[in-house]
All heavy atoms as atom14 arrays in JSON, in Angstrom:
{
  "sequence": "GVITARNPVHAVLYLVQAFVGSAGLWLLMEAEFLGIVLVLVYVGAVM",
  "atom14_mask": [
    [1, 1, 1, 1, 0, 0, 0, 0, 0, 0, 0, 0, 0, 0],
    [1, 1, 1, 1, 1, 1, 1, 0, 0, 0, 0, 0, 0, 0],
    [1, 1, 1, 1, 1, 1, 1, 1, 0, 0, 0, 0, 0, 0],
    [1, 1, 1, 1, 1, 1, 1, 0, 0, 0, 0, 0, 0, 0],
    [1, 1, 1, 1, 1, 0, 0, 0, 0, 0, 0, 0, 0, 0],
    [1, 1, 1, 1, 1, 1, 1, 1, 1, 1, 1, 0, 0, 0],
    [1, 1, 1, 1, 1, 1, 1, 1, 0, 0, 0, 0, 0, 0],
    [1, 1, 1, 1, 1, 1, 1, 0, 0, 0, 0, 0, 0, 0],
    [1, 1, 1, 1, 1, 1, 1, 0, 0, 0, 0, 0, 0, 0],
    [1, 1, 1, 1, 1, 1, 1, 1, 1, 1, 0, 0, 0, 0],
    [1, 1, 1, 1, 1, 0, 0, 0, 0, 0, 0, 0, 0, 0],
    [1, 1, 1, 1, 1, 1, 1, 0, 0, 0, 0, 0, 0, 0],
    [1, 1, 1, 1, 1, 1, 1, 1, 0, 0, 0, 0, 0, 0],
    [1, 1, 1, 1, 1, 1, 1, 1, 1, 1, 1, 1, 0, 0],
    [1, 1, 1, 1, 1, 1, 1, 1, 0, 0, 0, 0, 0, 0],
    [1, 1, 1, 1, 1, 1, 1, 0, 0, 0, 0, 0, 0, 0],
    [1, 1, 1, 1, 1, 1, 1, 1, 1, 0, 0, 0, 0, 0],
    [1, 1, 1, 1, 1, 0, 0, 0, 0, 0, 0, 0, 0, 0],
    [1, 1, 1, 1, 1, 1, 1, 1, 1, 1, 1, 0, 0, 0],
    [1, 1, 1, 1, 1, 1, 1, 0, 0, 0, 0, 0, 0, 0],
    [1, 1, 1, 1, 0, 0, 0, 0, 0, 0, 0, 0, 0, 0],
    [1, 1, 1, 1, 1, 1, 0, 0, 0, 0, 0, 0, 0, 0],
    [1, 1, 1, 1, 1, 0, 0, 0, 0, 0, 0, 0, 0, 0],
    [1, 1, 1, 1, 0, 0, 0, 0, 0, 0, 0, 0, 0, 0],
    [1, 1, 1, 1, 1, 1, 1, 1, 0, 0, 0, 0, 0, 0],
    [1, 1, 1, 1, 1, 1, 1, 1, 1, 1, 1, 1, 1, 1],
    [1, 1, 1, 1, 1, 1, 1, 1, 0, 0, 0, 0, 0, 0],
    [1, 1, 1, 1, 1, 1, 1, 1, 0, 0, 0, 0, 0, 0],
    [1, 1, 1, 1, 1, 1, 1, 1, 0, 0, 0, 0, 0, 0],
    [1, 1, 1, 1, 1, 1, 1, 1, 1, 0, 0, 0, 0, 0],
    [1, 1, 1, 1, 1, 0, 0, 0, 0, 0, 0, 0, 0, 0],
    [1, 1, 1, 1, 1, 1, 1, 1, 1, 0, 0, 0, 0, 0],
    [1, 1, 1, 1, 1, 1, 1, 1, 1, 1, 1, 0, 0, 0],
    [1, 1, 1, 1, 1, 1, 1, 1, 0, 0, 0, 0, 0, 0],
    [1, 1, 1, 1, 0, 0, 0, 0, 0, 0, 0, 0, 0, 0],
    [1, 1, 1, 1, 1, 1, 1, 1, 0, 0, 0, 0, 0, 0],
    [1, 1, 1, 1, 1, 1, 1, 0, 0, 0, 0, 0, 0, 0],
    [1, 1, 1, 1, 1, 1, 1, 1, 0, 0, 0, 0, 0, 0],
    [1, 1, 1, 1, 1, 1, 1, 0, 0, 0, 0, 0, 0, 0],
    [1, 1, 1, 1, 1, 1, 1, 1, 0, 0, 0, 0, 0, 0],
    [1, 1, 1, 1, 1, 1, 1, 0, 0, 0, 0, 0, 0, 0],
    [1, 1, 1, 1, 1, 1, 1, 1, 1, 1, 1, 1, 0, 0],
    [1, 1, 1, 1, 1, 1, 1, 0, 0, 0, 0, 0, 0, 0],
    [1, 1, 1, 1, 0, 0, 0, 0, 0, 0, 0, 0, 0, 0],
    [1, 1, 1, 1, 1, 0, 0, 0, 0, 0, 0, 0, 0, 0],
    [1, 1, 1, 1, 1, 1, 1, 0, 0, 0, 0, 0, 0, 0],
    [1, 1, 1, 1, 1, 1, 1, 1, 0, 0, 0, 0, 0, 0]
  ],
  "atom14_positions": [
    [[-10.0, 14.46, -1.08], [-9.89, 15.87, -0.68], [-8.88, 16.1, 0.43], [-8.23, 17.14, 0.49], [0.0, 0.0, 0.0], [0.0, 0.0, 0.0], [0.0, 0.0, 0.0], [0.0, 0.0, 0.0], [0.0, 0.0, 0.0], [0.0, 0.0, 0.0], [0.0, 0.0, 0.0], [0.0, 0.0, 0.0], [0.0, 0.0, 0.0], [0.0, 0.0, 0.0]],
    [[-8.71, 15.1, 1.31], [-7.74, 15.23, 2.39], [-6.33, 15.35, 1.86], [-5.53, 16.15, 2.34], [-7.86, 14.04, 3.36], [-6.74, 14.05, 4.4], [-9.2, 14.05, 4.07], [0.0, 0.0, 0.0], [0.0, 0.0, 0.0], [0.0, 0.0, 0.0], [0.0, 0.0, 0.0], [0.0, 0.0, 0.0], [0.0, 0.0, 0.0], [0.0, 0.0, 0.0]],
    [[-6.0, 14.55, 0.83], [-4.61, 14.54, 0.35], [-4.38, 15.55, -0.77], [-3.23, 15.79, -1.14], [-4.23, 13.14, -0.15], [-5.17, 12.7, -1.29], [-4.32, 12.15, 0.98], [-4.81, 11.35, -1.88], [0.0, 0.0, 0.0], [0.0, 0.0, 0.0], [0.0, 0.0, 0.0], [0.0, 0.0, 0.0], [0.0, 0.0, 0.0], [0.0, 0.0, 0.0]],
    [[-5.43, 16.15, -1.29], [-5.25, 17.13, -2.38], [-5.53, 18.57, -1.96], [-5.22, 19.48, -2.71], [-6.17, 16.77, -3.57], [-7.54, 16.72, -3.13], [-5.77, 15.45, -4.17], [0.0, 0.0, 0.0], [0.0, 0.0, 0.0], [0.0, 0.0, 0.0], [0.0, 0.0, 0.0], [0.0, 0.0, 0.0], [0.0, 0.0, 0.0], [0.0, 0.0, 0.0]],
    [[-6.12, 18.75, -0.77], [-6.43, 20.12, -0.32], [-5.15, 20.9, -0.04], [-4.22, 20.38, 0.58], [-7.31, 20.06, 0.93], [0.0, 0.0, 0.0], [0.0, 0.0, 0.0], [0.0, 0.0, 0.0], [0.0, 0.0, 0.0], [0.0, 0.0, 0.0], [0.0, 0.0, 0.0], [0.0, 0.0, 0.0], [0.0, 0.0, 0.0], [0.0, 0.0, 0.0]],
    [[-5.1, 22.14, -0.48], [-3.95, 22.99, -0.25], [-3.94, 23.62, 1.13], [-2.9, 23.9, 1.68], [-3.88, 24.1, -1.33], [-3.67, 23.56, -2.74], [-3.56, 24.71, -3.73], [-3.27, 24.21, -5.06], [-2.06, 23.96, -5.53], [-1.0, 24.18, -4.76], [-1.89, 23.51, -6.77], [0.0, 0.0, 0.0], [0.0, 0.0, 0.0], [0.0, 0.0, 0.0]],
    [[-5.12, 23.81, 1.68], [-5.23, 24.42, 3.0], [-5.35, 23.3, 4.06], [-6.2, 22.42, 3.93], [-6.47, 25.31, 3.06], [-6.49, 26.18, 4.3], [-5.85, 25.87, 5.3], [-7.23, 27.27, 4.23], [0.0, 0.0, 0.0], [0.0, 0.0, 0.0], [0.0, 0.0, 0.0], [0.0, 0.0, 0.0], [0.0, 0.0, 0.0], [0.0, 0.0, 0.0]],
    [[-4.5, 23.29, 5.1], [-4.6, 22.23, 6.12], [-5.94, 22.2, 6.84], [-6.44, 21.13, 7.19], [-3.46, 22.57, 7.08], [-2.5, 23.4, 6.3], [-3.34, 24.17, 5.33], [0.0, 0.0, 0.0], [0.0, 0.0, 0.0], [0.0, 0.0, 0.0], [0.0, 0.0, 0.0], [0.0, 0.0, 0.0], [0.0, 0.0, 0.0], [0.0, 0.0, 0.0]],
    [[-6.56, 23.36, 7.04], [-7.88, 23.38, 7.67], [-8.91, 22.7, 6.8], [-9.77, 21.93, 7.3], [-8.29, 24.83, 7.97], [-9.66, 24.88, 8.6], [-7.27, 25.49, 8.92], [0.0, 0.0, 0.0], [0.0, 0.0, 0.0], [0.0, 0.0, 0.0], [0.0, 0.0, 0.0], [0.0, 0.0, 0.0], [0.0, 0.0, 0.0], [0.0, 0.0, 0.0]],
    [[-8.85, 22.92, 5.49], [-9.77, 22.25, 4.59], [-9.54, 20.74, 4.58], [-10.48, 19.95, 4.5], [-9.6, 22.79, 3.17], [-10.01, 24.23, 3.05], [-9.73, 25.01, 1.94], [-10.67, 25.05, 3.91], [-10.21, 26.22, 2.11], [-10.78, 26.28, 3.3], [0.0, 0.0, 0.0], [0.0, 0.0, 0.0], [0.0, 0.0, 0.0], [0.0, 0.0, 0.0]],
    [[-8.27, 20.32, 4.71], [-7.96, 18.89, 4.76], [-8.57, 18.24, 6.01], [-9.12, 17.14, 5.94], [-6.45, 18.68, 4.76], [0.0, 0.0, 0.0], [0.0, 0.0, 0.0], [0.0, 0.0, 0.0], [0.0, 0.0, 0.0], [0.0, 0.0, 0.0], [0.0, 0.0, 0.0], [0.0, 0.0, 0.0], [0.0, 0.0, 0.0], [0.0, 0.0, 0.0]],
    [[-8.51, 18.94, 7.15], [-9.12, 18.42, 8.36], [-10.63, 18.32, 8.21], [-11.27, 17.36, 8.65], [-8.73, 19.31, 9.56], [-9.5, 18.88, 10.8], [-7.24, 19.24, 9.8], [0.0, 0.0, 0.0], [0.0, 0.0, 0.0], [0.0, 0.0, 0.0], [0.0, 0.0, 0.0], [0.0, 0.0, 0.0], [0.0, 0.0, 0.0], [0.0, 0.0, 0.0]],
    [[-11.26, 19.32, 7.6], [-12.7, 19.28, 7.4], [-13.1, 18.16, 6.44], [-14.14, 17.51, 6.62], [-13.18, 20.63, 6.86], [-13.04, 21.81, 7.83], [-13.48, 23.1, 7.16], [-13.84, 21.57, 9.09], [0.0, 0.0, 0.0], [0.0, 0.0, 0.0], [0.0, 0.0, 0.0], [0.0, 0.0, 0.0], [0.0, 0.0, 0.0], [0.0, 0.0, 0.0]],
    [[-12.29, 17.91, 5.42], [-12.55, 16.76, 4.54], [-12.46, 15.45, 5.31], [-13.24, 14.52, 5.08], [-11.54, 16.75, 3.4], [-11.93, 17.61, 2.21], [-11.08, 18.63, 1.76], [-13.14, 17.42, 1.53], [-11.43, 19.43, 0.69], [-13.5, 18.22, 0.47], [-12.64, 19.22, 0.05], [-12.99, 20.0, -1.03], [0.0, 0.0, 0.0], [0.0, 0.0, 0.0]],
    [[-11.51, 15.37, 6.25], [-11.38, 14.14, 7.05], [-12.59, 13.97, 7.96], [-13.05, 12.84, 8.17], [-10.09, 14.22, 7.88], [-9.67, 12.95, 8.61], [-9.54, 11.78, 7.65], [-8.35, 13.18, 9.35], [0.0, 0.0, 0.0], [0.0, 0.0, 0.0], [0.0, 0.0, 0.0], [0.0, 0.0, 0.0], [0.0, 0.0, 0.0], [0.0, 0.0, 0.0]],
    [[-13.11, 15.05, 8.5], [-14.34, 14.98, 9.29], [-15.49, 14.46, 8.43], [-16.3, 13.61, 8.88], [-14.67, 16.36, 9.89], [-16.06, 16.37, 10.5], [-13.63, 16.76, 10.92], [0.0, 0.0, 0.0], [0.0, 0.0, 0.0], [0.0, 0.0, 0.0], [0.0, 0.0, 0.0], [0.0, 0.0, 0.0], [0.0, 0.0, 0.0], [0.0, 0.0, 0.0]],
    [[-15.58, 14.93, 7.22], [-16.64, 14.46, 6.31], [-16.46, 12.99, 5.99], [-17.46, 12.24, 5.89], [-16.58, 15.29, 5.03], [-17.77, 15.03, 4.08], [-17.73, 15.99, 2.9], [-16.89, 16.89, 2.82], [-18.65, 15.8, 1.96], [0.0, 0.0, 0.0], [0.0, 0.0, 0.0], [0.0, 0.0, 0.0], [0.0, 0.0, 0.0], [0.0, 0.0, 0.0]],
    [[-15.22, 12.53, 5.85], [-14.98, 11.11, 5.61], [-15.41, 10.26, 6.81], [-15.98, 9.19, 6.65], [-13.49, 10.87, 5.3], [0.0, 0.0, 0.0], [0.0, 0.0, 0.0], [0.0, 0.0, 0.0], [0.0, 0.0, 0.0], [0.0, 0.0, 0.0], [0.0, 0.0, 0.0], [0.0, 0.0, 0.0], [0.0, 0.0, 0.0], [0.0, 0.0, 0.0]],
    [[-15.16, 10.76, 8.02], [-15.58, 10.02, 9.2], [-17.09, 9.95, 9.3], [-17.64, 8.91, 9.69], [-15.0, 10.69, 10.45], [-13.55, 10.37, 10.69], [-12.72, 11.31, 11.31], [-12.99, 9.18, 10.29], [-11.39, 11.04, 11.52], [-11.66, 8.89, 10.49], [-10.85, 9.81, 11.11], [0.0, 0.0, 0.0], [0.0, 0.0, 0.0], [0.0, 0.0, 0.0]],
    [[-17.78, 11.02, 8.97], [-19.24, 11.02, 9.02], [-19.81, 10.02, 8.01], [-20.75, 9.26, 8.31], [-19.79, 12.44, 8.78], [-21.31, 12.42, 8.65], [-19.37, 13.36, 9.9], [0.0, 0.0, 0.0], [0.0, 0.0, 0.0], [0.0, 0.0, 0.0], [0.0, 0.0, 0.0], [0.0, 0.0, 0.0], [0.0, 0.0, 0.0], [0.0, 0.0, 0.0]],
    [[-19.24, 9.99, 6.8], [-19.69, 9.0, 5.82], [-19.4, 7.59, 6.25], [-20.22, 6.68, 6.04], [0.0, 0.0, 0.0], [0.0, 0.0, 0.0], [0.0, 0.0, 0.0], [0.0, 0.0, 0.0], [0.0, 0.0, 0.0], [0.0, 0.0, 0.0], [0.0, 0.0, 0.0], [0.0, 0.0, 0.0], [0.0, 0.0, 0.0], [0.0, 0.0, 0.0]],
    [[-18.25, 7.36, 6.9], [-17.93, 6.03, 7.42], [-18.9, 5.61, 8.52], [-19.29, 4.44, 8.61], [-16.49, 5.99, 7.94], [-15.58, 6.32, 6.91], [0.0, 0.0, 0.0], [0.0, 0.0, 0.0], [0.0, 0.0, 0.0], [0.0, 0.0, 0.0], [0.0, 0.0, 0.0], [0.0, 0.0, 0.0], [0.0, 0.0, 0.0], [0.0, 0.0, 0.0]],
    [[-19.29, 6.58, 9.35], [-20.29, 6.28, 10.38], [-21.62, 5.86, 9.75], [-22.3, 4.96, 10.25], [-20.48, 7.49, 11.28], [0.0, 0.0, 0.0], [0.0, 0.0, 0.0], [0.0, 0.0, 0.0], [0.0, 0.0, 0.0], [0.0, 0.0, 0.0], [0.0, 0.0, 0.0], [0.0, 0.0, 0.0], [0.0, 0.0, 0.0], [0.0, 0.0, 0.0]],
    [[-21.99, 6.5, 8.65], [-23.2, 6.09, 7.92], [-23.1, 4.68, 7.4], [-24.08, 3.92, 7.43], [0.0, 0.0, 0.0], [0.0, 0.0, 0.0], [0.0, 0.0, 0.0], [0.0, 0.0, 0.0], [0.0, 0.0, 0.0], [0.0, 0.0, 0.0], [0.0, 0.0, 0.0], [0.0, 0.0, 0.0], [0.0, 0.0, 0.0], [0.0, 0.0, 0.0]],
    [[-21.92, 4.29, 6.91], [-21.74, 2.91, 6.45], [-21.86, 1.91, 7.6], [-22.41, 0.82, 7.43], [-20.37, 2.77, 5.78], [-20.19, 3.55, 4.46], [-18.77, 3.41, 3.93], [-21.2, 3.08, 3.42], [0.0, 0.0, 0.0], [0.0, 0.0, 0.0], [0.0, 0.0, 0.0], [0.0, 0.0, 0.0], [0.0, 0.0, 0.0], [0.0, 0.0, 0.0]],
    [[-21.34, 2.29, 8.77], [-21.49, 1.41, 9.94], [-22.97, 1.25, 10.28], [-23.42, 0.14, 10.65], [-20.75, 1.99, 11.14], [-19.26, 1.78, 11.12], [-18.29, 2.73, 11.02], [-18.58, 0.52, 11.23], [-17.05, 2.16, 11.04], [-17.2, 0.79, 11.18], [-19.0, -0.8, 11.36], [-16.24, -0.19, 11.24], [-18.04, -1.79, 11.43], [-16.69, -1.48, 11.37]],
    [[-23.72, 2.31, 10.19], [-25.16, 2.22, 10.48], [-25.88, 1.31, 9.5], [-26.81, 0.61, 9.89], [-25.79, 3.61, 10.48], [-25.34, 4.57, 11.58], [-26.0, 5.94, 11.39], [-25.68, 4.03, 12.95], [0.0, 0.0, 0.0], [0.0, 0.0, 0.0], [0.0, 0.0, 0.0], [0.0, 0.0, 0.0], [0.0, 0.0, 0.0], [0.0, 0.0, 0.0]],
    [[-25.47, 1.34, 8.23], [-26.09, 0.44, 7.27], [-25.82, -1.02, 7.59], [-26.62, -1.9, 7.27], [-25.57, 0.76, 5.86], [-26.13, 2.0, 5.18], [-25.52, 2.17, 3.8], [-27.66, 1.92, 5.07], [0.0, 0.0, 0.0], [0.0, 0.0, 0.0], [0.0, 0.0, 0.0], [0.0, 0.0, 0.0], [0.0, 0.0, 0.0], [0.0, 0.0, 0.0]],
    [[-24.68, -1.31, 8.22], [-24.34, -2.68, 8.59], [-24.88, -3.07, 9.95], [-24.45, -4.05, 10.55], [-22.82, -2.87, 8.54], [-22.26, -2.81, 7.14], [-20.49, -3.2, 7.06], [-19.79, -1.76, 7.88], [0.0, 0.0, 0.0], [0.0, 0.0, 0.0], [0.0, 0.0, 0.0], [0.0, 0.0, 0.0], [0.0, 0.0, 0.0], [0.0, 0.0, 0.0]],
    [[-25.78, -2.23, 10.49], [-26.41, -2.45, 11.78], [-25.38, -2.47, 12.91], [-25.53, -3.23, 13.9], [-27.22, -3.75, 11.78], [-28.41, -3.72, 10.81], [-29.26, -4.96, 10.91], [-28.95, -5.83, 11.75], [-30.23, -5.06, 10.15], [0.0, 0.0, 0.0], [0.0, 0.0, 0.0], [0.0, 0.0, 0.0], [0.0, 0.0, 0.0], [0.0, 0.0, 0.0]],
    [[-24.34, -1.68, 12.77], [-23.37, -1.52, 13.84], [-23.52, -0.1, 14.39], [-22.64, 0.76, 14.17], [-21.96, -1.79, 13.31], [0.0, 0.0, 0.0], [0.0, 0.0, 0.0], [0.0, 0.0, 0.0], [0.0, 0.0, 0.0], [0.0, 0.0, 0.0], [0.0, 0.0, 0.0], [0.0, 0.0, 0.0], [0.0, 0.0, 0.0], [0.0, 0.0, 0.0]],
    [[-24.62, 0.15, 15.06], [-24.92, 1.51, 15.54], [-23.9, 2.0, 16.55], [-23.55, 3.17, 16.57], [-26.32, 1.54, 16.16], [-27.46, 1.28, 15.17], [-27.73, -0.21, 15.02], [-27.07, -0.99, 15.73], [-28.61, -0.57, 14.21], [0.0, 0.0, 0.0], [0.0, 0.0, 0.0], [0.0, 0.0, 0.0], [0.0, 0.0, 0.0], [0.0, 0.0, 0.0]],
    [[-23.44, 1.09, 17.42], [-22.49, 1.53, 18.45], [-21.18, 2.03, 17.81], [-20.68, 3.09, 18.22], [-22.19, 0.34, 19.38], [-21.17, 0.65, 20.43], [-21.49, 1.41, 21.54], [-19.89, 0.17, 20.31], [-20.55, 1.7, 22.5], [-18.93, 0.45, 21.26], [-19.26, 1.22, 22.36], [0.0, 0.0, 0.0], [0.0, 0.0, 0.0], [0.0, 0.0, 0.0]],
    [[-20.67, 1.32, 16.84], [-19.41, 1.76, 16.21], [-19.61, 3.06, 15.46], [-18.73, 3.94, 15.45], [-18.92, 0.66, 15.26], [-18.48, -0.66, 15.91], [-18.06, -1.65, 14.85], [-17.39, -0.42, 16.92], [0.0, 0.0, 0.0], [0.0, 0.0, 0.0], [0.0, 0.0, 0.0], [0.0, 0.0, 0.0], [0.0, 0.0, 0.0], [0.0, 0.0, 0.0]],
    [[-20.76, 3.23, 14.8], [-21.02, 4.48, 14.09], [-21.12, 5.67, 15.03], [-20.57, 6.74, 14.77], [0.0, 0.0, 0.0], [0.0, 0.0, 0.0], [0.0, 0.0, 0.0], [0.0, 0.0, 0.0], [0.0, 0.0, 0.0], [0.0, 0.0, 0.0], [0.0, 0.0, 0.0], [0.0, 0.0, 0.0], [0.0, 0.0, 0.0], [0.0, 0.0, 0.0]],
    [[-21.8, 5.48, 16.18], [-21.94, 6.6, 17.13], [-20.59, 6.91, 17.77], [-20.23, 8.08, 17.96], [-22.99, 6.23, 18.19], [-24.37, 6.14, 17.54], [-23.01, 7.25, 19.31], [-25.47, 5.65, 18.45], [0.0, 0.0, 0.0], [0.0, 0.0, 0.0], [0.0, 0.0, 0.0], [0.0, 0.0, 0.0], [0.0, 0.0, 0.0], [0.0, 0.0, 0.0]],
    [[-19.8, 5.87, 18.08], [-18.48, 6.1, 18.67], [-17.58, 6.83, 17.68], [-16.8, 7.71, 18.07], [-17.87, 4.76, 19.1], [-16.4, 4.93, 19.44], [-18.6, 4.23, 20.33], [0.0, 0.0, 0.0], [0.0, 0.0, 0.0], [0.0, 0.0, 0.0], [0.0, 0.0, 0.0], [0.0, 0.0, 0.0], [0.0, 0.0, 0.0], [0.0, 0.0, 0.0]],
    [[-17.69, 6.48, 16.42], [-16.87, 7.16, 15.4], [-17.18, 8.65, 15.33], [-16.27, 9.47, 15.19], [-17.09, 6.49, 14.03], [-16.22, 6.98, 12.88], [-14.76, 6.7, 13.17], [-16.62, 6.3, 11.56], [0.0, 0.0, 0.0], [0.0, 0.0, 0.0], [0.0, 0.0, 0.0], [0.0, 0.0, 0.0], [0.0, 0.0, 0.0], [0.0, 0.0, 0.0]],
    [[-18.43, 8.98, 15.45], [-18.83, 10.4, 15.39], [-18.45, 11.13, 16.68], [-17.87, 12.21, 16.65], [-20.34, 10.53, 15.12], [-20.79, 11.98, 15.24], [-20.67, 10.02, 13.73], [0.0, 0.0, 0.0], [0.0, 0.0, 0.0], [0.0, 0.0, 0.0], [0.0, 0.0, 0.0], [0.0, 0.0, 0.0], [0.0, 0.0, 0.0], [0.0, 0.0, 0.0]],
    [[-18.75, 10.5, 17.82], [-18.5, 11.18, 19.09], [-17.01, 11.32, 19.41], [-16.54, 12.38, 19.81], [-19.19, 10.42, 20.23], [-20.72, 10.4, 20.22], [-21.26, 9.61, 21.38], [-21.27, 11.81, 20.25], [0.0, 0.0, 0.0], [0.0, 0.0, 0.0], [0.0, 0.0, 0.0], [0.0, 0.0, 0.0], [0.0, 0.0, 0.0], [0.0, 0.0, 0.0]],
    [[-16.25, 10.24, 19.2], [-14.84, 10.25, 19.58], [-13.99, 10.95, 18.54], [-13.26, 11.89, 18.86], [-14.35, 8.8, 19.82], [-12.86, 8.8, 20.12], [-15.11, 8.16, 20.97], [0.0, 0.0, 0.0], [0.0, 0.0, 0.0], [0.0, 0.0, 0.0], [0.0, 0.0, 0.0], [0.0, 0.0, 0.0], [0.0, 0.0, 0.0], [0.0, 0.0, 0.0]],
    [[-14.09, 10.54, 17.3], [-13.19, 11.08, 16.28], [-13.64, 12.45, 15.8], [-12.85, 13.39, 15.74], [-13.08, 10.1, 15.11], [-12.19, 8.92, 15.43], [-12.73, 7.74, 15.92], [-10.82, 9.0, 15.24], [-11.93, 6.66, 16.22], [-10.01, 7.92, 15.53], [-10.56, 6.75, 16.02], [-9.75, 5.69, 16.31], [0.0, 0.0, 0.0], [0.0, 0.0, 0.0]],
    [[-14.92, 12.56, 15.42], [-15.39, 13.85, 14.9], [-15.57, 14.85, 16.03], [-15.16, 16.02, 15.91], [-16.72, 13.66, 14.15], [-17.26, 14.99, 13.66], [-16.52, 12.71, 12.96], [0.0, 0.0, 0.0], [0.0, 0.0, 0.0], [0.0, 0.0, 0.0], [0.0, 0.0, 0.0], [0.0, 0.0, 0.0], [0.0, 0.0, 0.0], [0.0, 0.0, 0.0]],
    [[-16.13, 14.43, 17.14], [-16.43, 15.37, 18.21], [-15.26, 15.72, 19.1], [-15.29, 16.75, 19.77], [0.0, 0.0, 0.0], [0.0, 0.0, 0.0], [0.0, 0.0, 0.0], [0.0, 0.0, 0.0], [0.0, 0.0, 0.0], [0.0, 0.0, 0.0], [0.0, 0.0, 0.0], [0.0, 0.0, 0.0], [0.0, 0.0, 0.0], [0.0, 0.0, 0.0]],
    [[-14.2, 14.92, 19.1], [-13.07, 15.19, 20.02], [-11.75, 15.26, 19.29], [-11.08, 16.3, 19.28], [-13.01, 14.11, 21.11], [0.0, 0.0, 0.0], [0.0, 0.0, 0.0], [0.0, 0.0, 0.0], [0.0, 0.0, 0.0], [0.0, 0.0, 0.0], [0.0, 0.0, 0.0], [0.0, 0.0, 0.0], [0.0, 0.0, 0.0], [0.0, 0.0, 0.0]],
    [[-11.36, 14.18, 18.64], [-10.03, 14.11, 18.03], [-9.88, 15.11, 16.9], [-8.89, 15.87, 16.84], [-9.74, 12.68, 17.54], [-8.38, 12.6, 16.86], [-9.79, 11.7, 18.71], [0.0, 0.0, 0.0], [0.0, 0.0, 0.0], [0.0, 0.0, 0.0], [0.0, 0.0, 0.0], [0.0, 0.0, 0.0], [0.0, 0.0, 0.0], [0.0, 0.0, 0.0]],
    [[-10.83, 15.16, 15.99], [-10.69, 16.05, 14.85], [-10.84, 17.51, 15.24], [-10.21, 18.38, 14.62], [-11.72, 15.68, 13.76], [-11.5, 14.29, 13.17], [-9.78, 13.94, 12.74], [-9.4, 15.3, 11.68], [0.0, 0.0, 0.0], [0.0, 0.0, 0.0], [0.0, 0.0, 0.0], [0.0, 0.0, 0.0], [0.0, 0.0, 0.0], [0.0, 0.0, 0.0]]
  ]
}
Protein backbone atom coordinates (compact mmCIF):
# COMPACT_ATOMS: atom_id res chain seq x y z
CA GLY A 1 0.00 0.00 0.00
CA VAL A 2 2.90 2.38 0.64
CA ILE A 3 4.20 2.09 -2.92
CA THR A 4 0.81 1.88 -4.66
CA ALA A 5 -1.15 4.58 -2.79
CA ARG A 6 -1.92 7.64 -4.92
CA ASN A 7 -2.27 9.97 -1.95
CA PRO A 8 0.98 10.66 -0.01
CA VAL A 9 -0.95 10.90 3.26
CA HIS A 10 -2.42 7.45 2.68
CA ALA A 11 1.09 6.13 1.93
CA VAL A 12 2.33 7.46 5.28
CA LEU A 13 -0.61 5.85 7.09
CA TYR A 14 0.13 2.54 5.36
CA LEU A 15 3.73 2.83 6.56
CA VAL A 16 2.49 3.40 10.12
CA GLN A 17 0.40 0.25 9.80
CA ALA A 18 3.45 -1.66 8.57
CA PHE A 19 5.45 -0.49 11.59
CA VAL A 20 2.70 -1.58 13.98
CA GLY A 21 2.60 -5.04 12.38
CA SER A 22 6.40 -5.27 12.59
CA ALA A 23 6.21 -4.38 16.28
CA GLY A 24 3.77 -7.27 16.74
CA LEU A 25 6.28 -9.62 15.08
CA TRP A 26 8.96 -8.41 17.47
CA LEU A 27 6.66 -9.18 20.39
CA LEU A 28 6.13 -12.72 19.10
CA MET A 29 9.90 -13.22 19.14
CA GLU A 30 9.98 -12.06 22.78
CA ALA A 31 11.77 -8.85 21.86
CA GLU A 32 9.44 -6.52 23.75
CA PHE A 33 11.94 -3.68 23.97
CA LEU A 34 12.45 -3.50 20.20
CA GLY A 35 8.70 -3.68 19.58
CA ILE A 36 7.94 -0.86 22.02
CA VAL A 37 10.78 1.29 20.64
CA LEU A 38 9.49 0.74 17.11
CA VAL A 39 6.05 2.01 18.10
CA LEU A 40 7.21 4.90 20.29
CA VAL A 41 10.04 6.21 18.11
CA TYR A 42 8.92 5.52 14.55
CA VAL A 43 5.13 5.54 14.84
CA GLY A 44 4.86 8.08 17.64
CA ALA A 45 7.52 10.54 16.48
CA VAL A 46 9.09 10.00 13.07
CA MET A 47 5.98 9.06 11.13
